[in-house]
Amino acid sequence: MQQERPFLLVIEPLPATSKSSTKVRSRSTILTPNFELGRAKQLVLPFAKGDANHLTWREEVSPYDVLATFLSKSTGKNARRDIRVKVGPETRTFISQGLGLANLSVIPYSETEPTAAVRQSKSAREVAIMRAANTLTVEGIRAVRRCAYDGVSELELYDVFKKTILSAGHGINDVEGLVLFGERAACPHCGPSQTRKLIAAEDFILMDVGARLYGYISDCTRTFLLPNITSPERGSFDPEKLTIWYTVHEAQSAAIHAIREGTPLSEVDHAARQVIEKAGYGPAFIHRLGHSIGLQMHEPPYATGNSATTLKYHTPLTAEPGIYLEGYVGVRLEDVILTNGAGKEAETLTNHRATSPWDP
């Protein structure tokens, strides 16, 4: 029985107009429930007028059979198994299953294929939106820090951040993330608690947050102290926690320096990991260095210790090293870094890196 209604964009490659032509041609079709046709026609899509057609289905029939019959006619292939359908990385399981049950050959997405390389390199317009989103996010963190106070809960501080970002104006939505205090930040992705209150003289505040601006999402992490917590020279804050903070900052600097077009991602991960290992905290860096980002929070490629994938032009990559000591402290710093031309220094899309626990 049909449980969900697929609403799909299908792109078919077309033959070249001549043997010498290098122009890529395609035909786009939107598979939509019949009752949603009016809404489908109102969608703002990057097509010239008339470039996309609509294929409708009624709810008493299988939409996947409707699509398979359409593709069989358009490709001239009578055997459905001869029709290869590649699904995108965010395609929901029920859709892939439905295509398979219609006897189409479903090909999973791979980050090594040419389309992944196209998605990895962002256009100037995409970069501009991502720069705005990430700059807004770090400025939101800095604004929230100024109004935090001793005794506030993690959840209360996260709610303040969310309202602050949403008040910034049109085009912003999907604010998400976490706020963790002190020892709770040693769990990298635990959620904020209503009961854990800030002890300002003892706790780092870790905020890992993002927001979506015109479809593109930001990702930024800061670990910081409140403005009224005195400097380390006056001996009022745990010196080992401060040492850990500056070790993570040095590791992030090393990673950013390694982020260049053509560099294997394993080398970027190693650059940060080497700093943390040298400081004696190697086992406490328990995750990869980072990931690409764009329309989704986590996009390939991923900066792991064994990745042979090389960075391409205008690839955004998070540099987010961390040190996590259970029951004691967690420190992570994260910025989105953009590769420029070969040999050129990478750009920080947050526009402002943290320089100390007092300057996030």
Protein backbone atom coordinates (compact mmCIF):
# COMPACT_ATOMS: atom_id res chain seq x y z
CA MET A 1 0.00 0.00 0.00
CA GLN A 2 1.25 3.47 -0.87
CA GLN A 3 2.10 5.30 2.38
CA GLU A 4 3.95 8.40 1.19
CA ARG A 5 3.67 10.64 -1.85
CA PRO A 6 6.87 11.04 -3.85
CA PHE A 7 7.45 14.47 -5.36
CA LEU A 8 10.49 14.03 -7.61
CA LEU A 9 12.65 15.92 -10.06
CA VAL A 10 13.85 13.54 -12.79
CA ILE A 11 16.70 14.65 -15.07
CA GLU A 12 17.36 12.60 -18.22
CA PRO A 13 20.52 13.03 -20.30
CA LEU A 14 19.89 13.61 -24.00
CA PRO A 15 22.15 12.73 -26.95
CA ALA A 16 24.49 15.40 -28.23
CA THR A 17 23.26 17.33 -31.28
CA SER A 18 26.40 16.28 -33.16
CA LYS A 19 29.50 14.14 -32.62
CA SER A 20 31.65 17.23 -32.18
CA SER A 21 29.32 18.95 -29.70
CA THR A 22 30.46 19.11 -26.06
CA LYS A 23 27.31 20.78 -24.78
CA VAL A 24 25.47 18.76 -22.13
CA ARG A 25 21.76 18.39 -22.90
CA SER A 26 19.06 17.13 -20.58
CA ARG A 27 15.31 16.96 -20.09
CA SER A 28 13.65 17.58 -16.73
CA THR A 29 10.39 16.11 -15.53
CA ILE A 30 8.62 16.73 -12.23
CA LEU A 31 6.73 13.71 -10.88
CA THR A 32 3.90 15.06 -8.77
CA PRO A 33 0.63 13.85 -7.24
CA ASN A 34 -2.19 14.97 -9.51
CA PHE A 35 -3.79 17.07 -6.78
CA GLU A 36 -0.45 18.90 -6.23
CA LEU A 37 -0.03 19.92 -9.88
CA GLY A 38 -1.03 23.53 -9.20
CA ARG A 39 1.56 23.85 -6.44
CA ALA A 40 4.22 22.16 -8.59
CA LYS A 41 3.69 24.74 -11.35
CA GLN A 42 4.25 27.54 -8.84
CA LEU A 43 7.67 26.28 -7.73
CA VAL A 44 10.55 28.58 -8.51
CA LEU A 45 13.08 26.32 -10.26
CA PRO A 46 16.21 27.13 -12.28
CA PHE A 47 14.70 26.26 -15.65
CA ALA A 48 13.93 28.30 -18.70
CA LYS A 49 10.24 28.50 -19.51
CA GLY A 50 9.05 25.19 -20.95
CA ASP A 51 12.21 23.27 -19.99
CA ALA A 52 10.48 21.20 -17.30
CA ASN A 53 7.40 19.05 -17.85
CA HIS A 54 5.05 17.61 -15.24
CA LEU A 55 4.17 13.93 -14.88
CA THR A 56 1.17 13.38 -12.63
CA TRP A 57 -0.15 10.30 -10.85
CA ARG A 58 -3.40 9.51 -9.09
CA GLU A 59 -3.42 7.95 -5.65
CA GLU A 60 -5.04 4.69 -6.75
CA VAL A 61 -1.95 3.84 -8.83
CA SER A 62 1.74 3.41 -8.06
CA PRO A 63 3.71 6.59 -8.80
CA TYR A 64 6.79 4.48 -9.41
CA ASP A 65 5.01 2.44 -12.10
CA VAL A 66 3.89 5.70 -13.70
CA LEU A 67 7.48 6.92 -13.72
CA ALA A 68 8.86 3.59 -14.98
CA THR A 69 6.38 3.53 -17.86
CA PHE A 70 7.29 7.12 -18.76
CA LEU A 71 11.04 6.37 -18.69
CA SER A 72 10.56 3.21 -20.74
CA LYS A 73 8.92 5.24 -23.49
CA SER A 74 11.34 8.16 -23.33
CA THR A 75 14.46 5.95 -23.36
CA GLY A 76 13.13 3.33 -25.79
CA LYS A 77 14.02 0.57 -23.31
CA ASN A 78 11.27 -2.03 -22.83
CA ALA A 79 13.01 -3.84 -19.97
CA ARG A 80 12.76 -1.68 -16.89
CA ARG A 81 15.93 -3.26 -15.44
CA ASP A 82 17.85 -1.66 -18.29
CA ILE A 83 16.84 1.80 -17.04
CA ARG A 84 19.39 3.08 -14.54
CA VAL A 85 18.13 5.64 -12.03
CA LYS A 86 20.69 7.42 -9.87
CA VAL A 87 19.30 8.82 -6.63
CA GLY A 88 20.64 11.87 -4.81
CA PRO A 89 22.40 11.69 -1.43
CA GLU A 90 19.36 12.95 0.50
CA THR A 91 16.80 10.67 -1.19
CA ARG A 92 14.53 9.06 1.41
CA THR A 93 14.57 5.29 1.77
CA PHE A 94 10.92 4.77 0.81
CA ILE A 95 11.58 6.44 -2.56
CA SER A 96 14.59 4.24 -3.36
CA GLN A 97 12.57 1.20 -2.34
CA GLY A 98 9.62 2.24 -4.52
CA LEU A 99 11.85 2.71 -7.56
CA GLY A 100 13.35 -0.74 -6.97
CA LEU A 101 9.94 -2.37 -6.59
CA ALA A 102 9.02 -0.89 -9.99
CA ASN A 103 11.97 -2.94 -11.35
CA LEU A 104 14.11 0.08 -12.15
CA SER A 105 17.87 -0.27 -11.55
CA VAL A 106 18.58 2.07 -8.63
CA ILE A 107 22.17 3.38 -8.46
CA PRO A 108 23.25 4.92 -5.13
CA TYR A 109 25.02 8.27 -5.00
CA SER A 110 28.81 8.21 -4.56
CA GLU A 111 31.05 11.09 -3.49
CA THR A 112 33.67 9.96 -6.04
CA GLU A 113 31.48 10.54 -9.10
CA PRO A 114 31.63 13.65 -11.34
CA THR A 115 28.37 15.12 -10.04
CA ALA A 116 29.81 15.13 -6.52
CA ALA A 117 32.77 17.18 -7.74
CA VAL A 118 30.36 19.72 -9.24
CA ARG A 119 28.50 20.01 -5.95
CA GLN A 120 31.76 20.29 -3.99
CA SER A 121 32.85 23.49 -5.78
CA LYS A 122 30.55 26.39 -4.91
CA SER A 123 29.68 29.26 -7.23
CA ALA A 124 30.37 32.89 -6.33
CA ARG A 125 26.70 33.35 -5.46
CA GLU A 126 26.69 30.30 -3.19
CA VAL A 127 29.85 31.52 -1.48
CA ALA A 128 28.30 34.95 -0.88
CA ILE A 129 25.24 33.42 0.81
CA MET A 130 27.37 31.06 2.90
CA ARG A 131 29.66 33.91 3.96
CA ALA A 132 26.64 35.91 5.13
CA ALA A 133 25.14 32.93 6.96
CA ASN A 134 28.36 32.05 8.77
CA THR A 135 29.20 35.65 9.65
CA LEU A 136 25.70 36.08 11.07
CA THR A 137 26.10 32.92 13.13
CA VAL A 138 29.37 33.92 14.80
CA GLU A 139 28.04 37.42 15.47
CA GLY A 140 24.98 35.79 17.06
CA ILE A 141 27.23 33.79 19.38
CA ARG A 142 29.14 36.92 20.37
CA ALA A 143 25.88 38.79 21.05
CA VAL A 144 24.47 35.97 23.19
CA ARG A 145 27.71 35.79 25.20
CA ARG A 146 27.25 39.40 26.26
CA CYS A 147 23.88 38.65 27.86
CA ALA A 148 24.70 35.26 29.44
CA TYR A 149 24.88 35.09 33.23
CA ASP A 150 25.84 32.84 36.10
CA GLY A 151 23.04 30.30 36.67
CA VAL A 152 21.51 30.35 33.17
CA SER A 153 20.68 26.89 31.80
CA GLU A 154 22.05 25.41 28.59
CA LEU A 155 18.58 25.28 27.06
CA GLU A 156 17.78 28.86 28.03
CA LEU A 157 20.97 30.12 26.37
CA TYR A 158 20.25 28.10 23.22
CA ASP A 159 16.73 29.56 23.06
CA VAL A 160 18.18 33.08 23.31
CA PHE A 161 20.54 32.33 20.41
CA LYS A 162 17.72 30.93 18.29
CA LYS A 163 15.52 33.99 18.85
CA THR A 164 18.45 36.32 18.19
CA ILE A 165 19.23 34.75 14.81
CA LEU A 166 15.60 34.55 13.69
CA SER A 167 15.16 38.25 14.48
CA ALA A 168 17.89 39.16 11.98
CA GLY A 169 15.49 39.30 9.06
CA HIS A 170 14.13 37.72 5.87
CA GLY A 171 15.49 34.46 4.48
CA ILE A 172 16.69 32.94 7.78
CA ASN A 173 15.24 29.71 9.14
CA ASP A 174 16.11 26.26 10.49
CA VAL A 175 18.25 27.42 13.41
CA GLU A 176 19.79 24.36 15.05
CA GLY A 177 22.62 23.36 17.34
CA LEU A 178 23.58 22.85 20.95
CA VAL A 179 24.87 24.65 24.03
CA LEU A 180 26.90 22.72 26.62
CA PHE A 181 28.61 23.81 29.84
CA GLY A 182 31.77 22.52 31.48
CA GLU A 183 32.12 18.75 31.65
CA ARG A 184 29.00 18.17 29.55
CA ALA A 185 30.85 19.49 26.50
CA ALA A 186 33.03 16.35 26.64
CA CYS A 187 30.07 14.68 24.88
CA PRO A 188 30.49 16.31 21.43
CA HIS A 189 26.86 16.16 20.28
CA CYS A 190 24.79 15.92 23.46
CA GLY A 191 21.74 18.17 23.57
CA PRO A 192 21.27 21.21 25.82
CA SER A 193 19.83 20.60 29.29
CA GLN A 194 17.24 22.63 31.19
CA THR A 195 18.75 21.56 34.52
CA ARG A 196 22.50 22.12 33.97
CA LYS A 197 23.18 25.69 35.11
CA LEU A 198 26.25 27.73 34.28
CA ILE A 199 28.95 28.05 36.95
CA ALA A 200 30.73 30.95 35.32
CA ALA A 201 33.95 30.75 37.37
CA GLU A 202 34.45 27.07 36.44
CA ASP A 203 32.74 26.39 33.11
CA PHE A 204 33.61 26.88 29.51
CA ILE A 205 30.50 27.46 27.36
CA LEU A 206 30.49 25.47 24.11
CA MET A 207 28.07 26.60 21.40
CA ASP A 208 27.85 24.58 18.16
CA VAL A 209 25.16 26.26 16.07
CA GLY A 210 24.00 27.00 12.56
CA ALA A 211 21.18 28.59 10.60
CA ARG A 212 19.85 28.33 7.07
CA LEU A 213 19.93 31.42 4.85
CA TYR A 214 18.25 31.16 1.43
CA GLY A 215 18.72 27.38 1.57
CA TYR A 216 22.39 27.35 2.60
CA ILE A 217 23.35 26.39 6.12
CA SER A 218 26.08 27.69 8.42
CA ASP A 219 28.08 25.74 11.02
CA CYS A 220 30.14 27.41 13.72
CA THR A 221 31.46 26.34 17.13
CA ARG A 222 32.90 28.52 19.86
CA THR A 223 34.12 27.60 23.34
CA PHE A 224 34.38 30.63 25.58
CA LEU A 225 34.17 32.28 29.00
CA LEU A 226 31.92 35.11 30.11
CA PRO A 227 33.34 38.64 29.84
CA ASN A 228 33.56 39.10 33.63
CA ILE A 229 35.74 36.00 34.20
CA THR A 230 39.22 37.34 34.89
CA SER A 231 42.28 36.58 32.79
CA PRO A 232 44.60 33.62 33.38
CA GLU A 233 47.32 35.93 34.70
CA ARG A 234 45.19 36.52 37.79
CA GLY A 235 44.89 32.81 38.43
CA SER A 236 41.10 32.64 38.64
CA PHE A 237 40.44 29.95 36.03
CA ASP A 238 41.71 26.37 35.75
CA PRO A 239 45.03 26.68 33.86
CA GLU A 240 44.79 23.21 32.28
CA LYS A 241 41.45 24.10 30.72
CA LEU A 242 43.06 27.19 29.24
CA THR A 243 45.98 25.11 27.94
CA ILE A 244 43.48 22.79 26.25
CA TRP A 245 41.70 25.76 24.65
CA TYR A 246 44.90 27.17 23.17
CA THR A 247 45.99 23.70 21.99
CA VAL A 248 42.72 23.34 20.07
CA HIS A 249 43.17 26.83 18.63
CA GLU A 250 46.69 25.96 17.46
CA ALA A 251 45.39 22.73 15.91
CA GLN A 252 42.70 24.65 14.03
CA SER A 253 45.30 27.14 12.77
CA ALA A 254 47.43 24.26 11.47
CA ALA A 255 44.43 22.76 9.66
CA ILE A 256 43.47 26.09 8.08
CA HIS A 257 47.03 26.57 6.85
CA ALA A 258 46.86 23.10 5.23
CA ILE A 259 43.55 23.78 3.45
CA ARG A 260 44.59 24.46 -0.14
CA GLU A 261 43.23 23.48 -3.53
CA GLY A 262 44.71 20.10 -4.48
CA THR A 263 45.57 19.01 -0.92
CA PRO A 264 44.41 15.52 0.15
CA LEU A 265 41.96 15.72 3.04
CA SER A 266 43.99 13.22 5.04
CA GLU A 267 46.81 15.80 5.20
CA VAL A 268 44.42 18.46 6.52
CA ASP A 269 43.19 16.12 9.26
CA HIS A 270 46.76 15.12 10.11
CA ALA A 271 47.89 18.75 10.42
CA ALA A 272 45.43 19.38 13.26
CA ARG A 273 45.80 15.96 14.87
CA GLN A 274 49.59 16.27 15.03
CA VAL A 275 49.33 19.43 17.17
CA ILE A 276 46.96 17.78 19.64
CA GLU A 277 49.05 14.60 19.83
CA LYS A 278 52.22 16.61 20.47
CA ALA A 279 50.48 18.36 23.39
CA GLY A 280 49.64 14.96 24.91
CA TYR A 281 45.90 14.96 24.20
CA GLY A 282 45.87 12.75 21.09
CA PRO A 283 43.35 10.12 22.36
CA ALA A 284 40.97 12.95 23.33
CA PHE A 285 40.53 14.12 19.70
CA ILE A 286 37.83 11.57 18.96
CA HIS A 287 36.30 12.62 15.62
CA ARG A 288 37.30 13.67 12.09
CA LEU A 289 38.53 17.18 11.48
CA GLY A 290 35.53 18.28 9.42
CA HIS A 291 33.20 18.07 6.45
CA SER A 292 32.01 20.08 3.51
CA ILE A 293 28.79 22.06 3.80
CA GLY A 294 26.22 23.81 1.63
CA LEU A 295 22.58 22.90 1.15
CA GLN A 296 23.07 20.24 3.83
CA MET A 297 24.93 20.56 7.12
CA HIS A 298 27.18 17.60 6.29
CA GLU A 299 28.18 17.15 2.65
CA PRO A 300 31.05 15.19 1.12
CA PRO A 301 33.98 15.31 1.08
CA TYR A 302 34.94 14.55 4.68
CA ALA A 303 38.29 15.39 6.29
CA THR A 304 39.30 12.04 7.77
CA GLY A 305 42.71 10.58 8.41
CA ASN A 306 42.42 8.13 5.50
CA SER A 307 40.70 10.28 2.85
CA ALA A 308 42.56 10.50 -0.47
CA THR A 309 40.01 13.02 -1.84
CA THR A 310 41.67 16.29 -2.80
CA LEU A 311 40.23 19.72 -2.21
CA LYS A 312 38.86 21.54 -5.24
CA TYR A 313 38.43 25.22 -6.01
CA HIS A 314 35.83 26.97 -3.84
CA THR A 315 35.26 23.96 -1.58
CA PRO A 316 33.93 24.96 1.86
CA LEU A 317 35.32 22.75 4.64
CA THR A 318 34.77 22.92 8.38
CA ALA A 319 37.90 22.93 10.51
CA GLU A 320 36.68 21.74 13.90
CA PRO A 321 39.31 20.06 16.06
CA GLY A 322 38.40 19.27 19.66
CA ILE A 323 39.66 17.81 22.92
CA TYR A 324 37.20 15.93 25.13
CA LEU A 325 38.02 14.71 28.65
CA GLU A 326 35.01 12.95 30.14
CA GLY A 327 33.85 14.37 33.45
CA TYR A 328 36.16 17.38 33.12
CA VAL A 329 35.96 19.51 29.97
CA GLY A 330 35.24 19.63 26.25
CA VAL A 331 36.68 22.25 23.88
CA ARG A 332 35.94 22.57 20.16
CA LEU A 333 36.45 25.43 17.72
CA GLU A 334 34.87 25.43 14.27
CA ASP A 335 34.91 27.73 11.27
CA VAL A 336 33.95 27.15 7.64
CA ILE A 337 37.06 27.59 5.48
CA LEU A 338 36.93 28.13 1.71
CA THR A 339 39.65 27.09 -0.72
CA ASN A 340 40.75 29.66 -3.26
CA GLY A 341 42.95 29.20 -6.33
CA ALA A 342 45.88 26.79 -6.34
CA GLY A 343 48.51 27.88 -3.83
CA LYS A 344 46.36 30.71 -2.46
CA GLU A 345 45.50 31.09 1.21
CA ALA A 346 42.07 29.81 2.22
CA GLU A 347 39.32 32.20 3.35
CA THR A 348 37.47 32.06 6.67
CA LEU A 349 33.75 32.38 5.87
CA THR A 350 32.86 33.29 9.47
CA ASN A 351 34.91 36.49 8.92
CA HIS A 352 36.22 36.29 12.51
CA ARG A 353 38.11 33.42 14.11
CA ALA A 354 38.21 33.12 17.88
CA THR A 355 41.47 34.47 19.31
CA SER A 356 41.01 33.59 23.00
CA PRO A 357 38.32 32.30 25.41
CA TRP A 358 37.47 35.97 25.95
CA ASP A 359 37.26 36.78 22.23
CA PRO A 360 35.09 34.18 20.47
